[in-house]
Amino acid sequence: FKDVISRIKSVYDISLNNKNILINKNILKFNNVTYKANHLKTIFQNFSLTIKSGNKVLVKGPNGSGKTTLLDIIYGCIEDYQGTVIRGKYISYVNQNSKLFSGTILENIILDQKLDEKKLQKIIKIVLLDNFIKNISNGVETQITSLINISGGESQKIILARGLYQHFDILLLDESLSEITITDRKKIIQNIFKVFSDKTIIIVNHNSDYITYDRIINLTAERRGIC
């Protein structure tokens, strides 16, 4: 169990160890970033981007346009690029590979952090998990392995709650709500924007779900230059 948490925590902590990133919590900026996947396929060519602190941003684009790569570079798990990236120190990243592990719902959310009951209940409501948890006998102490019929949407809500429980300046969500109904997805994003109004939030999604963003970035082959 501790090994699992350690591996998950290492994902959250990776951004603290990337020496190629300059820290400034007031801005997120790419300066002439060039990146080639496996040193072959060019994903970004002299790419520049500026996002103000606290902005809510939607990133769109066809498959292969660099949406996930953009978030990976911001987070720090891709380092072999040219150019500079400036951003806040603490980032929470919920990506497509985020999974639940064998343990309780509570353990899956807070990992090895100290339990803040007020914060926990607030986040559970933000991600619309409150009714789900009320309807299971042991609440947040329920073992994940006992939830035989848990839906993909409910699983994503728990994983999202984990991301929100972390301390962050920037929140990155990469298709993290894809299995949640459109109605719930819209409400959850609106909740996040309201509660974390001072945080920079970048969401990769195929459509806007009729949500108002400060900015929409459309990553196409033609627009990988200045944004």
Protein backbone atom coordinates (compact mmCIF):
# COMPACT_ATOMS: atom_id res chain seq x y z
CA PHE A 1 0.00 0.00 0.00
CA LYS A 2 2.76 2.47 0.94
CA ASP A 3 4.63 1.57 -2.25
CA VAL A 4 1.54 2.40 -4.33
CA ILE A 5 1.11 5.78 -2.62
CA SER A 6 4.82 6.47 -3.05
CA ARG A 7 4.57 5.86 -6.80
CA ILE A 8 1.54 8.13 -7.11
CA LYS A 9 3.17 10.83 -4.99
CA SER A 10 6.27 10.64 -7.18
CA VAL A 11 4.08 11.70 -10.10
CA TYR A 12 2.91 14.77 -8.18
CA ASP A 13 6.46 15.56 -7.04
CA ILE A 14 8.20 15.16 -10.41
CA SER A 15 7.56 18.79 -11.28
CA LEU A 16 9.55 19.92 -8.23
CA ASN A 17 12.70 18.25 -9.57
CA ASN A 18 12.76 19.59 -13.14
CA LYS A 19 15.63 22.06 -13.36
CA ASN A 20 14.61 23.17 -16.87
CA ILE A 21 11.61 25.06 -15.49
CA LEU A 22 11.77 28.59 -14.11
CA ILE A 23 9.42 29.32 -11.21
CA ASN A 24 7.08 32.31 -11.17
CA LYS A 25 3.62 31.75 -9.70
CA ASN A 26 2.21 34.86 -11.42
CA ILE A 27 2.46 33.56 -14.97
CA LEU A 28 2.64 30.48 -17.19
CA LYS A 29 4.80 31.09 -20.21
CA PHE A 30 6.40 29.13 -23.05
CA ASN A 31 9.27 30.93 -24.81
CA ASN A 32 10.14 29.48 -28.24
CA VAL A 33 9.70 25.87 -27.17
CA THR A 34 10.64 23.22 -29.71
CA TYR A 35 10.01 19.57 -28.98
CA LYS A 36 10.41 16.44 -31.10
CA ALA A 37 8.85 13.20 -29.89
CA ASN A 38 11.56 10.54 -29.72
CA HIS A 39 13.79 13.18 -31.33
CA LEU A 40 11.98 12.55 -34.64
CA LYS A 41 8.45 13.93 -34.97
CA THR A 42 8.16 17.67 -34.36
CA ILE A 43 5.29 18.39 -31.97
CA PHE A 44 6.10 22.04 -31.20
CA GLN A 45 8.23 24.39 -33.28
CA ASN A 46 9.25 27.70 -31.69
CA PHE A 47 6.03 27.60 -29.67
CA SER A 48 5.27 30.60 -27.47
CA LEU A 49 2.35 30.90 -25.08
CA THR A 50 1.41 33.18 -22.20
CA ILE A 51 -1.35 32.40 -19.68
CA LYS A 52 -2.09 34.75 -16.82
CA SER A 53 -2.32 33.42 -13.28
CA GLY A 54 -5.88 32.44 -12.42
CA ASN A 55 -6.96 31.95 -16.03
CA LYS A 56 -9.28 29.07 -16.92
CA VAL A 57 -8.13 27.58 -20.22
CA LEU A 58 -9.52 24.96 -22.60
CA VAL A 59 -7.07 23.18 -24.91
CA LYS A 60 -8.58 21.62 -28.03
CA GLY A 61 -7.24 19.96 -31.13
CA PRO A 62 -7.26 16.74 -33.16
CA ASN A 63 -5.46 13.60 -32.05
CA GLY A 64 -1.73 14.05 -32.32
CA SER A 65 -1.86 17.84 -32.16
CA GLY A 66 0.12 17.98 -28.93
CA LYS A 67 -2.53 18.51 -26.25
CA THR A 68 -1.17 15.94 -23.80
CA THR A 69 2.41 16.84 -24.71
CA LEU A 70 1.67 20.47 -23.82
CA LEU A 71 0.49 19.45 -20.35
CA ASP A 72 3.40 17.03 -19.90
CA ILE A 73 5.87 19.84 -20.63
CA ILE A 74 4.08 22.20 -18.25
CA TYR A 75 4.14 19.54 -15.55
CA GLY A 76 7.76 18.63 -16.06
CA CYS A 77 7.66 14.98 -17.11
CA ILE A 78 9.06 15.98 -20.53
CA GLU A 79 12.42 17.71 -20.28
CA ASP A 80 14.18 17.24 -23.63
CA TYR A 81 12.90 20.39 -25.32
CA GLN A 82 14.52 23.60 -26.44
CA GLY A 83 13.30 26.94 -25.13
CA THR A 84 12.10 27.92 -21.68
CA VAL A 85 9.01 27.34 -19.56
CA ILE A 86 8.04 29.62 -16.68
CA ARG A 87 5.30 28.60 -14.28
CA GLY A 88 4.15 28.23 -10.68
CA LYS A 89 5.93 25.74 -8.43
CA TYR A 90 3.08 23.45 -7.44
CA ILE A 91 1.03 21.56 -10.01
CA SER A 92 -1.66 18.92 -9.70
CA TYR A 93 -1.99 16.82 -12.84
CA VAL A 94 -4.86 14.42 -13.44
CA ASN A 95 -4.10 12.66 -16.70
CA GLN A 96 -5.54 9.81 -18.74
CA ASN A 97 -3.35 7.26 -16.96
CA SER A 98 -4.49 8.17 -13.43
CA LYS A 99 -5.94 5.09 -11.71
CA LEU A 100 -7.56 3.99 -8.47
CA PHE A 101 -5.54 1.64 -6.27
CA SER A 102 -6.52 -1.05 -3.79
CA GLY A 103 -7.43 0.79 -0.60
CA THR A 104 -10.29 2.89 0.73
CA ILE A 105 -11.92 5.80 -1.07
CA LEU A 106 -10.36 8.06 1.57
CA GLU A 107 -6.87 6.69 0.97
CA ASN A 108 -7.32 7.13 -2.77
CA ILE A 109 -8.16 10.80 -2.27
CA ILE A 110 -5.77 12.03 0.42
CA LEU A 111 -2.87 9.63 -0.25
CA ASP A 112 -0.38 10.17 2.60
CA GLN A 113 -1.51 13.67 3.50
CA LYS A 114 -3.05 14.62 6.82
CA LEU A 115 -6.82 14.33 6.84
CA ASP A 116 -8.59 17.68 6.76
CA GLU A 117 -12.25 16.66 7.17
CA LYS A 118 -13.62 20.05 6.16
CA LYS A 119 -11.47 20.14 3.03
CA LEU A 120 -12.36 16.54 2.19
CA GLN A 121 -16.11 17.14 2.42
CA LYS A 122 -15.80 20.30 0.35
CA ILE A 123 -13.97 18.47 -2.43
CA ILE A 124 -16.41 15.54 -2.34
CA LYS A 125 -19.20 18.03 -3.02
CA ILE A 126 -17.24 19.81 -5.75
CA VAL A 127 -16.86 16.58 -7.74
CA LEU A 128 -20.45 15.47 -7.02
CA LEU A 129 -19.45 12.38 -5.04
CA ASP A 130 -21.56 13.19 -1.98
CA ASN A 131 -24.65 11.20 -2.97
CA PHE A 132 -22.56 8.25 -4.14
CA ILE A 133 -20.70 8.09 -0.82
CA LYS A 134 -23.89 8.50 1.22
CA ASN A 135 -25.34 5.44 -0.50
CA ILE A 136 -22.52 3.05 0.38
CA SER A 137 -22.43 1.55 3.86
CA ASN A 138 -18.91 2.54 4.93
CA GLY A 139 -18.75 5.90 3.19
CA VAL A 140 -15.21 7.07 2.45
CA GLU A 141 -13.87 4.08 4.42
CA THR A 142 -15.26 1.75 1.74
CA GLN A 143 -12.64 -0.42 0.08
CA ILE A 144 -12.31 0.23 -3.65
CA THR A 145 -12.13 -3.53 -4.29
CA SER A 146 -15.61 -3.95 -2.78
CA LEU A 147 -17.16 -1.57 -5.32
CA ILE A 148 -17.74 -4.21 -7.95
CA ASN A 149 -20.15 -2.14 -10.01
CA ILE A 150 -18.48 1.24 -9.72
CA SER A 151 -18.85 3.16 -12.97
CA GLY A 152 -16.09 4.78 -14.94
CA GLY A 153 -17.62 8.15 -14.14
CA GLU A 154 -17.57 7.58 -10.38
CA SER A 155 -13.99 6.32 -10.60
CA GLN A 156 -13.00 9.50 -12.42
CA LYS A 157 -14.68 11.62 -9.75
CA ILE A 158 -12.61 9.93 -7.02
CA ILE A 159 -9.40 10.43 -9.01
CA LEU A 160 -10.35 14.06 -9.65
CA ALA A 161 -10.96 14.52 -5.92
CA ARG A 162 -7.41 13.24 -5.37
CA GLY A 163 -6.07 15.89 -7.70
CA LEU A 164 -8.04 18.65 -5.99
CA TYR A 165 -6.85 17.55 -2.54
CA GLN A 166 -3.25 18.30 -3.50
CA HIS A 167 -1.74 21.75 -2.99
CA PHE A 168 -1.40 23.46 -6.37
CA ASP A 169 -0.87 26.73 -8.21
CA ILE A 170 -1.87 25.11 -11.50
CA LEU A 171 -4.38 22.32 -12.11
CA LEU A 172 -4.01 20.24 -15.29
CA LEU A 173 -6.88 17.99 -16.39
CA ASP A 174 -6.26 15.82 -19.45
CA GLU A 175 -9.52 14.16 -20.55
CA SER A 176 -10.07 13.56 -16.83
CA LEU A 177 -13.87 13.77 -17.00
CA SER A 178 -14.45 11.86 -20.24
CA GLU A 179 -16.63 9.14 -18.68
CA ILE A 180 -18.71 11.53 -16.59
CA THR A 181 -22.09 12.59 -17.97
CA ILE A 182 -22.19 15.93 -19.76
CA THR A 183 -24.52 17.38 -17.11
CA ASP A 184 -22.25 16.36 -14.23
CA ARG A 185 -19.11 17.31 -16.13
CA LYS A 186 -20.37 20.84 -16.69
CA LYS A 187 -21.39 21.23 -13.05
CA ILE A 188 -18.08 19.85 -11.76
CA ILE A 189 -16.01 22.18 -13.92
CA GLN A 190 -18.13 25.15 -12.86
CA ASN A 191 -17.66 24.12 -9.21
CA ILE A 192 -13.89 23.89 -9.66
CA PHE A 193 -13.73 27.28 -11.36
CA LYS A 194 -15.74 28.87 -8.55
CA VAL A 195 -13.91 27.32 -5.59
CA PHE A 196 -10.43 27.61 -7.12
CA SER A 197 -11.02 30.99 -8.74
CA ASP A 198 -7.47 32.17 -8.00
CA LYS A 199 -5.80 29.09 -9.50
CA THR A 200 -4.71 28.55 -13.09
CA ILE A 201 -6.69 25.65 -14.55
CA ILE A 202 -5.98 24.05 -17.92
CA ILE A 203 -8.37 21.45 -19.28
CA VAL A 204 -7.93 19.23 -22.33
CA ASN A 205 -11.34 18.34 -23.71
CA HIS A 206 -12.86 17.85 -27.16
CA ASN A 207 -15.51 20.50 -26.62
CA SER A 208 -16.34 23.39 -24.30
CA ASP A 209 -19.51 21.80 -22.83
CA TYR A 210 -20.95 25.33 -23.02
CA ILE A 211 -18.67 26.47 -20.22
CA THR A 212 -17.15 29.95 -20.27
CA TYR A 213 -13.35 29.90 -20.35
CA ASP A 214 -10.96 32.82 -20.16
CA ARG A 215 -9.21 31.35 -23.14
CA ILE A 216 -9.53 28.55 -25.69
CA ILE A 217 -6.36 27.26 -27.35
CA ASN A 218 -6.90 25.25 -30.51
CA LEU A 219 -3.76 23.21 -31.17
CA THR A 220 -3.67 22.44 -34.87
CA ALA A 221 -0.68 21.88 -37.09
CA GLU A 222 -1.12 25.44 -38.34
CA ARG A 223 -1.22 26.99 -34.87
CA ARG A 224 1.75 25.57 -33.04
CA GLY A 225 3.54 28.88 -33.16
CA ILE A 226 2.48 31.88 -31.11
CA CYS A 227 -0.70 31.53 -28.97
